[in-house]
Amino acid sequence: MNLLEVENVVSGYGEMEILHDVSIRVEKGEIVSMIGPNGAGKSTLMKTIFGLLKTWKGRVLFHGQDIARLPPEQIVRRGLCYVPQENNVFSTLTVQENLDMGAFIRDDDYRPRLEEVYDLFPDLKGRRGTRVGKLSGGMRQMVALGRALMLDPRTLLDEPSAGLAPMVVEMIFERIRAINQQGVTSVIVEQNARKALENSQSKSTSPAAPT
């Protein structure tokens, strides 16, 4: 059974159809890349999978169960997290407060997980009390990834490197590989085809093009 399966999904914004019968399959433990230019529908697909956009037709299966019409808060509880390209951190809060926010639905002691996240992103350790808005773009992306990982997700939807310097992009992809080695399946959106192909077990070209 595939971990995540999108079957003939149609979706978009308002009356504009962006995704036209899109299908993808992701197996457990994979890093899967979706490659394509701006406007190709990559982010639209991510938002549709995560319930931020309505699925007009088709199904989204996660562990064999259809989540296509569930709200994001229920999808998160099933172990699927999304790190969007923009507006993915609370800039007025500190690094620590952002990570605490990532554990908002946990009712257990998440401090061990917090330290695991800091171990995965050691550059954040010394900046626990720093407001995220004062950090570089690369550091903010680490905070966004770390916050998603606070829930111990089984699958991560990520748009990791838009607008970042090449050196920072390489660092972010190193962390994605490390996250994958911890057993987290990743689906990433990436415009840099070479970088995506270097880091993926599976690749998908642009899911659709706007009409």
N, C-alpha and C. Protein backbone atom coordinates (compact mmCIF):
# COMPACT_ATOMS: atom_id res chain seq x y z
N MET A 1 0.84 -1.19 0.00
CA MET A 1 0.00 0.00 0.00
C MET A 1 0.88 1.25 0.00
N ASN A 2 0.54 2.21 -0.86
CA ASN A 2 1.26 3.47 -0.87
C ASN A 2 0.92 4.27 0.38
N LEU A 3 1.92 5.03 0.86
CA LEU A 3 1.69 5.87 2.04
C LEU A 3 0.77 7.03 1.69
N LEU A 4 1.04 7.68 0.57
CA LEU A 4 0.23 8.81 0.11
C LEU A 4 -0.11 8.59 -1.35
N GLU A 5 -1.39 8.74 -1.68
CA GLU A 5 -1.81 8.52 -3.06
C GLU A 5 -2.83 9.58 -3.45
N VAL A 6 -2.54 10.29 -4.53
CA VAL A 6 -3.45 11.28 -5.09
C VAL A 6 -4.02 10.69 -6.37
N GLU A 7 -5.34 10.61 -6.44
CA GLU A 7 -5.98 9.95 -7.57
C GLU A 7 -6.87 10.93 -8.34
N ASN A 8 -6.44 11.30 -9.53
CA ASN A 8 -7.26 12.09 -10.47
C ASN A 8 -7.87 13.33 -9.82
N VAL A 9 -7.03 14.06 -9.09
CA VAL A 9 -7.50 15.22 -8.35
C VAL A 9 -7.65 16.43 -9.25
N VAL A 10 -8.77 17.12 -9.09
CA VAL A 10 -9.04 18.40 -9.75
C VAL A 10 -9.23 19.43 -8.65
N SER A 11 -8.55 20.58 -8.79
CA SER A 11 -8.66 21.62 -7.77
C SER A 11 -8.18 22.95 -8.36
N GLY A 12 -8.41 24.02 -7.60
CA GLY A 12 -7.96 25.33 -8.06
C GLY A 12 -8.43 26.42 -7.13
N TYR A 13 -8.49 27.65 -7.67
CA TYR A 13 -8.86 28.82 -6.89
C TYR A 13 -10.08 29.47 -7.53
N GLY A 14 -11.12 29.71 -6.71
CA GLY A 14 -12.33 30.31 -7.28
C GLY A 14 -12.90 29.40 -8.35
N GLU A 15 -13.03 29.95 -9.55
CA GLU A 15 -13.51 29.15 -10.67
C GLU A 15 -12.37 28.71 -11.60
N MET A 16 -11.14 29.04 -11.23
CA MET A 16 -9.99 28.69 -12.08
C MET A 16 -9.46 27.31 -11.72
N GLU A 17 -9.55 26.40 -12.63
CA GLU A 17 -9.03 25.05 -12.43
C GLU A 17 -7.52 25.04 -12.69
N ILE A 18 -6.75 24.63 -11.68
CA ILE A 18 -5.29 24.59 -11.80
C ILE A 18 -4.80 23.15 -11.94
N LEU A 19 -5.36 22.25 -11.18
CA LEU A 19 -4.96 20.84 -11.24
C LEU A 19 -5.97 20.07 -12.08
N HIS A 20 -5.45 19.37 -13.10
CA HIS A 20 -6.32 18.65 -14.03
C HIS A 20 -6.06 17.15 -13.92
N ASP A 21 -6.88 16.44 -13.17
CA ASP A 21 -6.75 14.97 -13.04
C ASP A 21 -5.33 14.56 -12.65
N VAL A 22 -4.83 15.13 -11.57
CA VAL A 22 -3.46 14.86 -11.11
C VAL A 22 -3.43 13.59 -10.27
N SER A 23 -2.44 12.75 -10.53
CA SER A 23 -2.24 11.53 -9.75
C SER A 23 -0.77 11.39 -9.39
N ILE A 24 -0.47 11.11 -8.13
CA ILE A 24 0.90 10.78 -7.70
C ILE A 24 0.82 9.68 -6.65
N ARG A 25 1.92 8.96 -6.50
CA ARG A 25 2.00 7.92 -5.48
C ARG A 25 3.34 8.04 -4.75
N VAL A 26 3.27 7.99 -3.43
CA VAL A 26 4.46 8.13 -2.60
C VAL A 26 4.53 6.93 -1.67
N GLU A 27 5.66 6.23 -1.69
CA GLU A 27 5.84 5.08 -0.82
C GLU A 27 6.54 5.49 0.47
N LYS A 28 6.35 4.72 1.49
CA LYS A 28 6.94 4.98 2.79
C LYS A 28 8.46 5.06 2.68
N GLY A 29 9.04 6.11 3.30
CA GLY A 29 10.49 6.27 3.34
C GLY A 29 11.10 7.00 2.16
N GLU A 30 10.29 7.38 1.19
CA GLU A 30 10.82 8.07 0.00
C GLU A 30 11.01 9.56 0.25
N ILE A 31 11.89 10.15 -0.56
CA ILE A 31 11.92 11.59 -0.79
C ILE A 31 11.47 11.78 -2.24
N VAL A 32 10.33 12.40 -2.43
CA VAL A 32 9.75 12.59 -3.75
C VAL A 32 9.76 14.07 -4.08
N SER A 33 10.26 14.41 -5.26
CA SER A 33 10.32 15.81 -5.68
C SER A 33 9.32 16.09 -6.78
N MET A 34 8.67 17.25 -6.68
CA MET A 34 7.84 17.77 -7.76
C MET A 34 8.57 18.96 -8.37
N ILE A 35 8.85 18.86 -9.66
CA ILE A 35 9.69 19.84 -10.35
C ILE A 35 8.86 20.59 -11.37
N GLY A 36 9.07 21.90 -11.43
CA GLY A 36 8.36 22.67 -12.44
C GLY A 36 8.49 24.15 -12.17
N PRO A 37 8.21 24.99 -13.16
CA PRO A 37 8.34 26.43 -13.01
C PRO A 37 7.22 27.02 -12.16
N ASN A 38 7.34 28.30 -11.83
CA ASN A 38 6.27 29.00 -11.14
C ASN A 38 4.99 28.92 -11.95
N GLY A 39 3.87 28.71 -11.27
CA GLY A 39 2.59 28.64 -11.95
C GLY A 39 2.21 27.27 -12.48
N ALA A 40 3.07 26.27 -12.22
CA ALA A 40 2.80 24.94 -12.77
C ALA A 40 1.78 24.15 -11.93
N GLY A 41 1.49 24.63 -10.73
CA GLY A 41 0.51 23.94 -9.89
C GLY A 41 1.09 23.15 -8.74
N LYS A 42 2.40 23.28 -8.49
CA LYS A 42 3.05 22.49 -7.44
C LYS A 42 2.51 22.86 -6.05
N SER A 43 2.51 24.15 -5.74
CA SER A 43 2.01 24.59 -4.44
C SER A 43 0.51 24.32 -4.31
N THR A 44 -0.21 24.44 -5.39
CA THR A 44 -1.64 24.16 -5.38
C THR A 44 -1.89 22.71 -4.99
N LEU A 45 -1.07 21.80 -5.52
CA LEU A 45 -1.21 20.39 -5.17
C LEU A 45 -0.92 20.18 -3.69
N MET A 46 0.13 20.79 -3.18
CA MET A 46 0.47 20.66 -1.75
C MET A 46 -0.70 21.13 -0.89
N LYS A 47 -1.24 22.30 -1.21
CA LYS A 47 -2.34 22.86 -0.42
C LYS A 47 -3.59 22.00 -0.51
N THR A 48 -3.81 21.39 -1.66
CA THR A 48 -4.97 20.52 -1.82
C THR A 48 -4.80 19.24 -0.99
N ILE A 49 -3.62 18.65 -1.02
CA ILE A 49 -3.36 17.46 -0.21
C ILE A 49 -3.60 17.75 1.26
N PHE A 50 -3.16 18.94 1.70
CA PHE A 50 -3.22 19.29 3.12
C PHE A 50 -4.57 19.87 3.53
N GLY A 51 -5.48 20.00 2.62
CA GLY A 51 -6.81 20.46 2.96
C GLY A 51 -7.00 21.96 3.00
N LEU A 52 -5.99 22.72 2.57
CA LEU A 52 -6.13 24.17 2.53
C LEU A 52 -6.93 24.63 1.32
N LEU A 53 -6.97 23.79 0.29
CA LEU A 53 -7.82 24.01 -0.88
C LEU A 53 -8.77 22.84 -1.03
N LYS A 54 -9.95 23.10 -1.50
CA LYS A 54 -10.96 22.06 -1.65
C LYS A 54 -10.64 21.16 -2.84
N THR A 55 -10.79 19.88 -2.64
CA THR A 55 -10.67 18.91 -3.74
C THR A 55 -11.99 18.89 -4.50
N TRP A 56 -11.97 19.31 -5.76
CA TRP A 56 -13.20 19.35 -6.55
C TRP A 56 -13.61 17.95 -7.01
N LYS A 57 -12.62 17.20 -7.45
CA LYS A 57 -12.84 15.81 -7.87
C LYS A 57 -11.63 14.99 -7.45
N GLY A 58 -11.82 13.68 -7.39
CA GLY A 58 -10.71 12.79 -7.08
C GLY A 58 -10.58 12.49 -5.59
N ARG A 59 -9.52 11.74 -5.26
CA ARG A 59 -9.29 11.32 -3.89
C ARG A 59 -7.85 11.58 -3.47
N VAL A 60 -7.65 11.82 -2.18
CA VAL A 60 -6.33 11.90 -1.57
C VAL A 60 -6.29 10.86 -0.46
N LEU A 61 -5.51 9.82 -0.66
CA LEU A 61 -5.44 8.72 0.31
C LEU A 61 -4.16 8.82 1.12
N PHE A 62 -4.30 8.74 2.43
CA PHE A 62 -3.14 8.72 3.34
C PHE A 62 -3.30 7.50 4.23
N HIS A 63 -2.35 6.56 4.11
CA HIS A 63 -2.48 5.26 4.78
C HIS A 63 -3.79 4.57 4.41
N GLY A 64 -4.17 4.73 3.14
CA GLY A 64 -5.34 4.03 2.65
C GLY A 64 -6.67 4.68 2.97
N GLN A 65 -6.67 5.78 3.71
CA GLN A 65 -7.91 6.46 4.07
C GLN A 65 -8.02 7.78 3.31
N ASP A 66 -9.21 8.09 2.83
CA ASP A 66 -9.44 9.29 2.05
C ASP A 66 -9.49 10.51 2.97
N ILE A 67 -8.55 11.44 2.77
CA ILE A 67 -8.49 12.65 3.59
C ILE A 67 -8.86 13.89 2.79
N ALA A 68 -9.39 13.69 1.59
CA ALA A 68 -9.57 14.80 0.65
C ALA A 68 -10.46 15.90 1.18
N ARG A 69 -11.40 15.57 2.03
CA ARG A 69 -12.33 16.60 2.51
C ARG A 69 -12.23 16.85 4.00
N LEU A 70 -11.08 16.45 4.57
CA LEU A 70 -10.84 16.74 5.98
C LEU A 70 -10.20 18.10 6.13
N PRO A 71 -10.45 18.80 7.24
CA PRO A 71 -9.77 20.07 7.50
C PRO A 71 -8.32 19.83 7.90
N PRO A 72 -7.44 20.82 7.72
CA PRO A 72 -6.02 20.64 8.04
C PRO A 72 -5.75 20.16 9.45
N GLU A 73 -6.54 20.64 10.44
CA GLU A 73 -6.27 20.25 11.83
C GLU A 73 -6.47 18.75 12.04
N GLN A 74 -7.35 18.13 11.27
CA GLN A 74 -7.51 16.68 11.38
C GLN A 74 -6.43 15.94 10.61
N ILE A 75 -6.00 16.52 9.50
CA ILE A 75 -4.93 15.90 8.70
C ILE A 75 -3.63 15.89 9.49
N VAL A 76 -3.33 16.98 10.19
CA VAL A 76 -2.13 17.04 11.03
C VAL A 76 -2.13 15.91 12.05
N ARG A 77 -3.26 15.67 12.69
CA ARG A 77 -3.36 14.64 13.71
C ARG A 77 -3.13 13.24 13.15
N ARG A 78 -3.27 13.09 11.85
CA ARG A 78 -3.02 11.79 11.22
C ARG A 78 -1.55 11.60 10.86
N GLY A 79 -0.73 12.65 11.06
CA GLY A 79 0.70 12.50 10.83
C GLY A 79 1.21 13.10 9.55
N LEU A 80 0.44 14.02 8.94
CA LEU A 80 0.86 14.68 7.71
C LEU A 80 1.02 16.17 7.99
N CYS A 81 2.23 16.70 7.79
CA CYS A 81 2.51 18.11 8.06
C CYS A 81 2.95 18.83 6.78
N TYR A 82 2.71 20.13 6.75
CA TYR A 82 3.01 20.94 5.57
C TYR A 82 3.81 22.17 5.98
N VAL A 83 4.93 22.40 5.28
CA VAL A 83 5.75 23.60 5.48
C VAL A 83 5.66 24.42 4.20
N PRO A 84 4.84 25.47 4.20
CA PRO A 84 4.65 26.26 2.96
C PRO A 84 5.88 27.09 2.63
N GLN A 85 5.89 27.60 1.41
CA GLN A 85 7.02 28.39 0.93
C GLN A 85 7.13 29.73 1.64
N GLU A 86 5.99 30.34 1.95
CA GLU A 86 5.99 31.66 2.57
C GLU A 86 5.12 31.65 3.82
N ASN A 87 5.34 32.66 4.68
CA ASN A 87 4.54 32.81 5.90
C ASN A 87 4.52 31.51 6.71
N ASN A 88 5.69 30.92 6.89
CA ASN A 88 5.77 29.62 7.56
C ASN A 88 6.33 29.69 8.97
N VAL A 89 6.54 30.92 9.50
CA VAL A 89 7.00 31.09 10.87
C VAL A 89 6.24 32.24 11.52
N PHE A 90 6.28 32.28 12.85
CA PHE A 90 5.74 33.41 13.60
C PHE A 90 6.90 34.36 13.88
N SER A 91 7.02 35.41 13.07
CA SER A 91 8.21 36.25 13.11
C SER A 91 8.37 37.02 14.41
N THR A 92 7.28 37.30 15.12
CA THR A 92 7.38 38.07 16.36
C THR A 92 7.67 37.19 17.57
N LEU A 93 7.62 35.88 17.38
CA LEU A 93 7.92 34.95 18.47
C LEU A 93 9.36 34.48 18.39
N THR A 94 9.86 33.96 19.48
CA THR A 94 11.23 33.45 19.51
C THR A 94 11.29 32.07 18.85
N VAL A 95 12.53 31.60 18.64
CA VAL A 95 12.73 30.26 18.10
C VAL A 95 12.03 29.24 19.00
N GLN A 96 12.27 29.35 20.30
CA GLN A 96 11.67 28.41 21.25
C GLN A 96 10.14 28.45 21.19
N GLU A 97 9.59 29.65 21.14
CA GLU A 97 8.14 29.79 21.09
C GLU A 97 7.56 29.21 19.81
N ASN A 98 8.26 29.36 18.69
CA ASN A 98 7.81 28.76 17.44
C ASN A 98 7.78 27.24 17.55
N LEU A 99 8.81 26.66 18.13
CA LEU A 99 8.84 25.20 18.27
C LEU A 99 7.76 24.73 19.24
N ASP A 100 7.54 25.50 20.31
CA ASP A 100 6.46 25.16 21.24
C ASP A 100 5.11 25.17 20.51
N MET A 101 4.93 26.14 19.62
CA MET A 101 3.68 26.21 18.86
C MET A 101 3.50 24.98 17.98
N GLY A 102 4.61 24.41 17.52
CA GLY A 102 4.54 23.21 16.70
C GLY A 102 3.97 22.01 17.44
N ALA A 103 4.05 22.04 18.76
CA ALA A 103 3.56 20.92 19.58
C ALA A 103 2.17 21.20 20.14
N PHE A 104 1.42 22.08 19.48
CA PHE A 104 0.17 22.57 20.07
C PHE A 104 -0.87 21.50 20.30
N ILE A 105 -0.85 20.42 19.54
CA ILE A 105 -1.87 19.38 19.74
C ILE A 105 -1.37 18.24 20.62
N ARG A 106 -0.14 18.31 21.07
CA ARG A 106 0.40 17.25 21.92
C ARG A 106 -0.03 17.47 23.36
N ASP A 107 -0.39 16.40 24.04
CA ASP A 107 -0.75 16.50 25.45
C ASP A 107 0.21 15.71 26.33
N ASP A 108 1.37 15.34 25.73
CA ASP A 108 2.39 14.62 26.48
C ASP A 108 3.57 15.54 26.73
N ASP A 109 4.62 15.03 27.35
CA ASP A 109 5.84 15.78 27.58
C ASP A 109 6.66 15.77 26.29
N TYR A 110 6.68 16.90 25.58
CA TYR A 110 7.38 16.93 24.30
C TYR A 110 8.81 17.44 24.40
N ARG A 111 9.29 17.63 25.62
CA ARG A 111 10.65 18.16 25.78
C ARG A 111 11.73 17.27 25.14
N PRO A 112 11.62 15.94 25.24
CA PRO A 112 12.62 15.11 24.53
C PRO A 112 12.61 15.35 23.03
N ARG A 113 11.42 15.51 22.45
CA ARG A 113 11.34 15.78 21.01
C ARG A 113 11.94 17.14 20.69
N LEU A 114 11.72 18.11 21.57
CA LEU A 114 12.29 19.44 21.38
C LEU A 114 13.81 19.37 21.29
N GLU A 115 14.42 18.61 22.16
CA GLU A 115 15.88 18.49 22.12
C GLU A 115 16.35 17.74 20.88
N GLU A 116 15.56 16.78 20.42
CA GLU A 116 15.90 16.09 19.16
C GLU A 116 15.89 17.06 17.99
N VAL A 117 14.91 17.97 17.99
CA VAL A 117 14.85 18.97 16.92
C VAL A 117 16.05 19.90 16.99
N TYR A 118 16.43 20.32 18.19
CA TYR A 118 17.61 21.17 18.33
C TYR A 118 18.88 20.42 17.91
N ASP A 119 18.93 19.12 18.16
CA ASP A 119 20.08 18.33 17.71
C ASP A 119 20.13 18.27 16.19
N LEU A 120 18.95 18.21 15.57
CA LEU A 120 18.88 18.16 14.11
C LEU A 120 19.25 19.50 13.49
N PHE A 121 18.92 20.59 14.19
CA PHE A 121 19.22 21.94 13.73
C PHE A 121 20.08 22.66 14.79
N PRO A 122 21.34 22.27 14.91
CA PRO A 122 22.19 22.82 15.98
C PRO A 122 22.37 24.33 15.91
N ASP A 123 22.22 24.91 14.72
CA ASP A 123 22.36 26.37 14.60
C ASP A 123 21.27 27.11 15.36
N LEU A 124 20.18 26.42 15.67
CA LEU A 124 19.08 27.06 16.39
C LEU A 124 19.28 27.02 17.90
N LYS A 125 20.15 26.15 18.37
CA LYS A 125 20.29 25.95 19.81
C LYS A 125 20.66 27.23 20.54
N GLY A 126 21.62 27.94 20.00
CA GLY A 126 22.07 29.16 20.66
C GLY A 126 21.18 30.35 20.41
N ARG A 127 20.10 30.13 19.68
CA ARG A 127 19.19 31.23 19.34
C ARG A 127 17.78 30.97 19.85
N ARG A 128 17.67 30.18 20.88
CA ARG A 128 16.34 29.83 21.41
C ARG A 128 15.52 31.06 21.75
N GLY A 129 16.15 32.08 22.29
CA GLY A 129 15.44 33.27 22.72
C GLY A 129 15.40 34.38 21.69
N THR A 130 15.90 34.12 20.48
CA THR A 130 15.92 35.14 19.43
C THR A 130 14.60 35.17 18.69
N ARG A 131 14.09 36.39 18.45
CA ARG A 131 12.88 36.51 17.65
C ARG A 131 13.17 36.07 16.22
N VAL A 132 12.29 35.26 15.68
CA VAL A 132 12.54 34.63 14.37
C VAL A 132 12.62 35.67 13.26
N GLY A 133 11.93 36.79 13.41
CA GLY A 133 11.98 37.83 12.39
C GLY A 133 13.35 38.43 12.20
N LYS A 134 14.25 38.23 13.16
CA LYS A 134 15.61 38.75 13.08
C LYS A 134 16.57 37.76 12.43
N LEU A 135 16.10 36.56 12.12
CA LEU A 135 16.97 35.53 11.56
C LEU A 135 17.03 35.63 10.04
N SER A 136 18.04 35.00 9.46
CA SER A 136 18.18 34.93 8.00
C SER A 136 17.10 34.03 7.42
N GLY A 137 16.94 34.08 6.10
CA GLY A 137 15.96 33.24 5.44
C GLY A 137 16.20 31.76 5.66
N GLY A 138 17.46 31.35 5.62
CA GLY A 138 17.79 29.95 5.85
C GLY A 138 17.46 29.50 7.25
N MET A 139 17.75 30.35 8.23
CA MET A 139 17.45 30.02 9.62
C MET A 139 15.94 29.95 9.85
N ARG A 140 15.21 30.85 9.21
CA ARG A 140 13.75 30.81 9.36
C ARG A 140 13.19 29.51 8.77
N GLN A 141 13.79 29.06 7.66
CA GLN A 141 13.33 27.80 7.08
C GLN A 141 13.61 26.63 8.02
N MET A 142 14.73 26.67 8.73
CA MET A 142 15.03 25.63 9.72
C MET A 142 13.99 25.64 10.84
N VAL A 143 13.62 26.85 11.28
CA VAL A 143 12.59 26.96 12.32
C VAL A 143 11.28 26.36 11.83
N ALA A 144 10.91 26.65 10.57
CA ALA A 144 9.67 26.13 10.01
C ALA A 144 9.69 24.60 9.95
N LEU A 145 10.81 24.04 9.51
CA LEU A 145 10.94 22.59 9.46
C LEU A 145 10.89 22.00 10.86
N GLY A 146 11.63 22.62 11.77
CA GLY A 146 11.66 22.14 13.15
C GLY A 146 10.29 22.15 13.79
N ARG A 147 9.53 23.21 13.54
CA ARG A 147 8.20 23.30 14.12
C ARG A 147 7.30 22.17 13.62
N ALA A 148 7.39 21.86 12.32
CA ALA A 148 6.60 20.75 11.78
C ALA A 148 7.00 19.42 12.40
N LEU A 149 8.29 19.26 12.67
CA LEU A 149 8.79 18.00 13.21
C LEU A 149 8.41 17.79 14.67
N MET A 150 7.97 18.84 15.34
CA MET A 150 7.58 18.70 16.75
C MET A 150 6.42 17.73 16.92
N LEU A 151 5.67 17.47 15.88
CA LEU A 151 4.53 16.56 15.96
C LEU A 151 4.89 15.13 15.58
N ASP A 152 6.18 14.84 15.35
CA ASP A 152 6.60 13.51 14.92
C ASP A 152 5.80 13.04 13.71
N PRO A 153 5.78 13.83 12.64
CA PRO A 153 4.96 13.44 11.47
C PRO A 153 5.53 12.22 10.77
N ARG A 154 4.64 11.50 10.10
CA ARG A 154 5.08 10.38 9.26
C ARG A 154 5.40 10.84 7.85
N THR A 155 4.77 11.95 7.44
CA THR A 155 5.00 12.48 6.10
C THR A 155 5.07 14.00 6.18
N LEU A 156 6.02 14.58 5.44
CA LEU A 156 6.24 16.00 5.44
C LEU A 156 6.10 16.54 4.02
N LEU A 157 5.22 17.53 3.84
CA LEU A 157 5.10 18.25 2.58
C LEU A 157 5.89 19.54 2.74
N ASP A 158 6.87 19.79 1.86
CA ASP A 158 7.79 20.88 2.10
C ASP A 158 8.12 21.62 0.81
N GLU A 159 8.20 22.95 0.93
CA GLU A 159 8.68 23.81 -0.16
C GLU A 159 9.94 24.50 0.36
N PRO A 160 11.10 23.85 0.27
CA PRO A 160 12.23 24.19 1.13
C PRO A 160 13.14 25.34 0.74
N SER A 161 13.30 25.66 -0.53
CA SER A 161 14.48 26.46 -0.87
C SER A 161 14.22 27.72 -1.68
N ALA A 162 12.98 28.14 -1.86
CA ALA A 162 12.69 29.31 -2.69
C ALA A 162 13.35 30.56 -2.13
N GLY A 163 14.14 31.24 -2.97
CA GLY A 163 14.74 32.51 -2.59
C GLY A 163 15.97 32.40 -1.70
N LEU A 164 16.48 31.20 -1.47
CA LEU A 164 17.63 31.03 -0.60
C LEU A 164 18.92 30.93 -1.42
N ALA A 165 20.02 31.35 -0.81
CA ALA A 165 21.33 31.26 -1.45
C ALA A 165 21.73 29.80 -1.63
N PRO A 166 22.53 29.49 -2.68
CA PRO A 166 22.90 28.09 -2.95
C PRO A 166 23.50 27.37 -1.76
N MET A 167 24.36 28.03 -0.99
CA MET A 167 24.98 27.38 0.17
C MET A 167 23.92 27.02 1.21
N VAL A 168 22.95 27.90 1.38
CA VAL A 168 21.88 27.65 2.34
C VAL A 168 20.97 26.53 1.84
N VAL A 169 20.73 26.50 0.53
CA VAL A 169 19.91 25.43 -0.05
C VAL A 169 20.54 24.07 0.23
N GLU A 170 21.84 23.97 0.06
CA GLU A 170 22.53 22.71 0.33
C GLU A 170 22.37 22.30 1.79
N MET A 171 22.46 23.27 2.69
CA MET A 171 22.30 22.99 4.11
C MET A 171 20.88 22.49 4.42
N ILE A 172 19.88 23.12 3.79
CA ILE A 172 18.50 22.70 4.01
C ILE A 172 18.29 21.28 3.50
N PHE A 173 18.86 20.96 2.33
CA PHE A 173 18.69 19.62 1.80
C PHE A 173 19.42 18.58 2.65
N GLU A 174 20.54 18.95 3.26
CA GLU A 174 21.20 18.04 4.20
C GLU A 174 20.27 17.69 5.35
N ARG A 175 19.54 18.69 5.83
CA ARG A 175 18.60 18.44 6.93
C ARG A 175 17.43 17.58 6.46
N ILE A 176 16.97 17.80 5.23
CA ILE A 176 15.88 16.97 4.70
C ILE A 176 16.31 15.52 4.61
N ARG A 177 17.54 15.28 4.17
CA ARG A 177 18.05 13.91 4.11
C ARG A 177 18.13 13.30 5.51
N ALA A 178 18.56 14.10 6.48
CA ALA A 178 18.64 13.61 7.86
C ALA A 178 17.25 13.29 8.41
N ILE A 179 16.28 14.14 8.09
CA ILE A 179 14.90 13.89 8.52
C ILE A 179 14.39 12.59 7.90
N ASN A 180 14.70 12.38 6.63
CA ASN A 180 14.28 11.16 5.95
C ASN A 180 14.90 9.92 6.59
N GLN A 181 16.15 10.03 7.01
CA GLN A 181 16.82 8.91 7.66
C GLN A 181 16.20 8.57 9.01
N GLN A 182 15.45 9.51 9.58
CA GLN A 182 14.73 9.25 10.83
C GLN A 182 13.38 8.59 10.58
N GLY A 183 13.08 8.31 9.31
CA GLY A 183 11.85 7.60 8.98
C GLY A 183 10.71 8.46 8.49
N VAL A 184 10.98 9.74 8.23
CA VAL A 184 9.93 10.64 7.76
C VAL A 184 9.94 10.69 6.24
N THR A 185 8.83 10.33 5.62
CA THR A 185 8.67 10.43 4.18
C THR A 185 8.50 11.90 3.80
N SER A 186 9.15 12.34 2.73
CA SER A 186 9.10 13.75 2.35
C SER A 186 8.65 13.91 0.90
N VAL A 187 7.76 14.87 0.68
CA VAL A 187 7.36 15.30 -0.65
C VAL A 187 7.75 16.76 -0.75
N ILE A 188 8.67 17.09 -1.66
CA ILE A 188 9.20 18.44 -1.73
C ILE A 188 8.91 19.08 -3.08
N VAL A 189 8.68 20.39 -3.02
CA VAL A 189 8.51 21.20 -4.22
C VAL A 189 9.82 21.92 -4.48
N GLU A 190 10.34 21.83 -5.69
CA GLU A 190 11.66 22.40 -5.96
C GLU A 190 11.75 22.86 -7.41
N GLN A 191 12.18 24.10 -7.62
CA GLN A 191 12.40 24.61 -8.97
C GLN A 191 13.78 24.23 -9.50
N ASN A 192 14.72 24.00 -8.58
CA ASN A 192 16.07 23.60 -8.98
C ASN A 192 16.06 22.10 -9.29
N ALA A 193 15.88 21.77 -10.57
CA ALA A 193 15.73 20.37 -10.96
C ALA A 193 16.96 19.54 -10.59
N ARG A 194 18.15 20.08 -10.80
CA ARG A 194 19.36 19.31 -10.50
C ARG A 194 19.42 18.96 -9.02
N LYS A 195 19.15 19.94 -8.17
CA LYS A 195 19.21 19.70 -6.73
C LYS A 195 18.14 18.70 -6.31
N ALA A 196 16.95 18.82 -6.87
CA ALA A 196 15.87 17.90 -6.53
C ALA A 196 16.22 16.47 -6.93
N LEU A 197 16.76 16.30 -8.13
CA LEU A 197 17.10 14.96 -8.61
C LEU A 197 18.22 14.34 -7.79
N GLU A 198 19.12 15.16 -7.31
CA GLU A 198 20.22 14.66 -6.48
C GLU A 198 19.73 14.09 -5.16
N ASN A 199 18.60 14.60 -4.68
CA ASN A 199 18.17 14.28 -3.32
C ASN A 199 16.92 13.42 -3.24
N SER A 200 16.43 12.94 -4.37
CA SER A 200 15.15 12.23 -4.38
C SER A 200 15.32 10.78 -4.80
N GLN A 201 14.44 9.94 -4.23
CA GLN A 201 14.30 8.58 -4.74
C GLN A 201 13.29 8.53 -5.87
N SER A 202 12.33 9.47 -5.87
CA SER A 202 11.30 9.54 -6.91
C SER A 202 11.12 10.99 -7.33
N LYS A 203 10.72 11.20 -8.57
CA LYS A 203 10.55 12.56 -9.09
C LYS A 203 9.24 12.63 -9.84
N SER A 204 8.61 13.78 -9.75
CA SER A 204 7.40 14.05 -10.52
C SER A 204 7.56 15.38 -11.22
N THR A 205 7.25 15.42 -12.50
CA THR A 205 7.29 16.70 -13.21
C THR A 205 6.07 17.53 -12.82
N SER A 206 5.99 18.72 -13.36
CA SER A 206 4.92 19.64 -13.00
C SER A 206 3.56 18.95 -13.08
N PRO A 207 2.76 19.03 -12.02
CA PRO A 207 1.49 18.30 -12.00
C PRO A 207 0.47 18.84 -12.98
N ALA A 208 0.56 20.12 -13.29
CA ALA A 208 -0.44 20.71 -14.18
C ALA A 208 0.04 22.06 -14.60
N ALA A 209 -0.68 22.67 -15.49
CA ALA A 209 -0.40 24.06 -15.88
C ALA A 209 -1.70 24.83 -15.84
N PRO A 210 -1.65 26.09 -15.45
CA PRO A 210 -2.88 26.86 -15.37
C PRO A 210 -3.55 26.98 -16.73
N THR A 211 -4.88 27.03 -16.69
CA THR A 211 -5.62 27.25 -17.92
C THR A 211 -5.74 28.75 -18.16
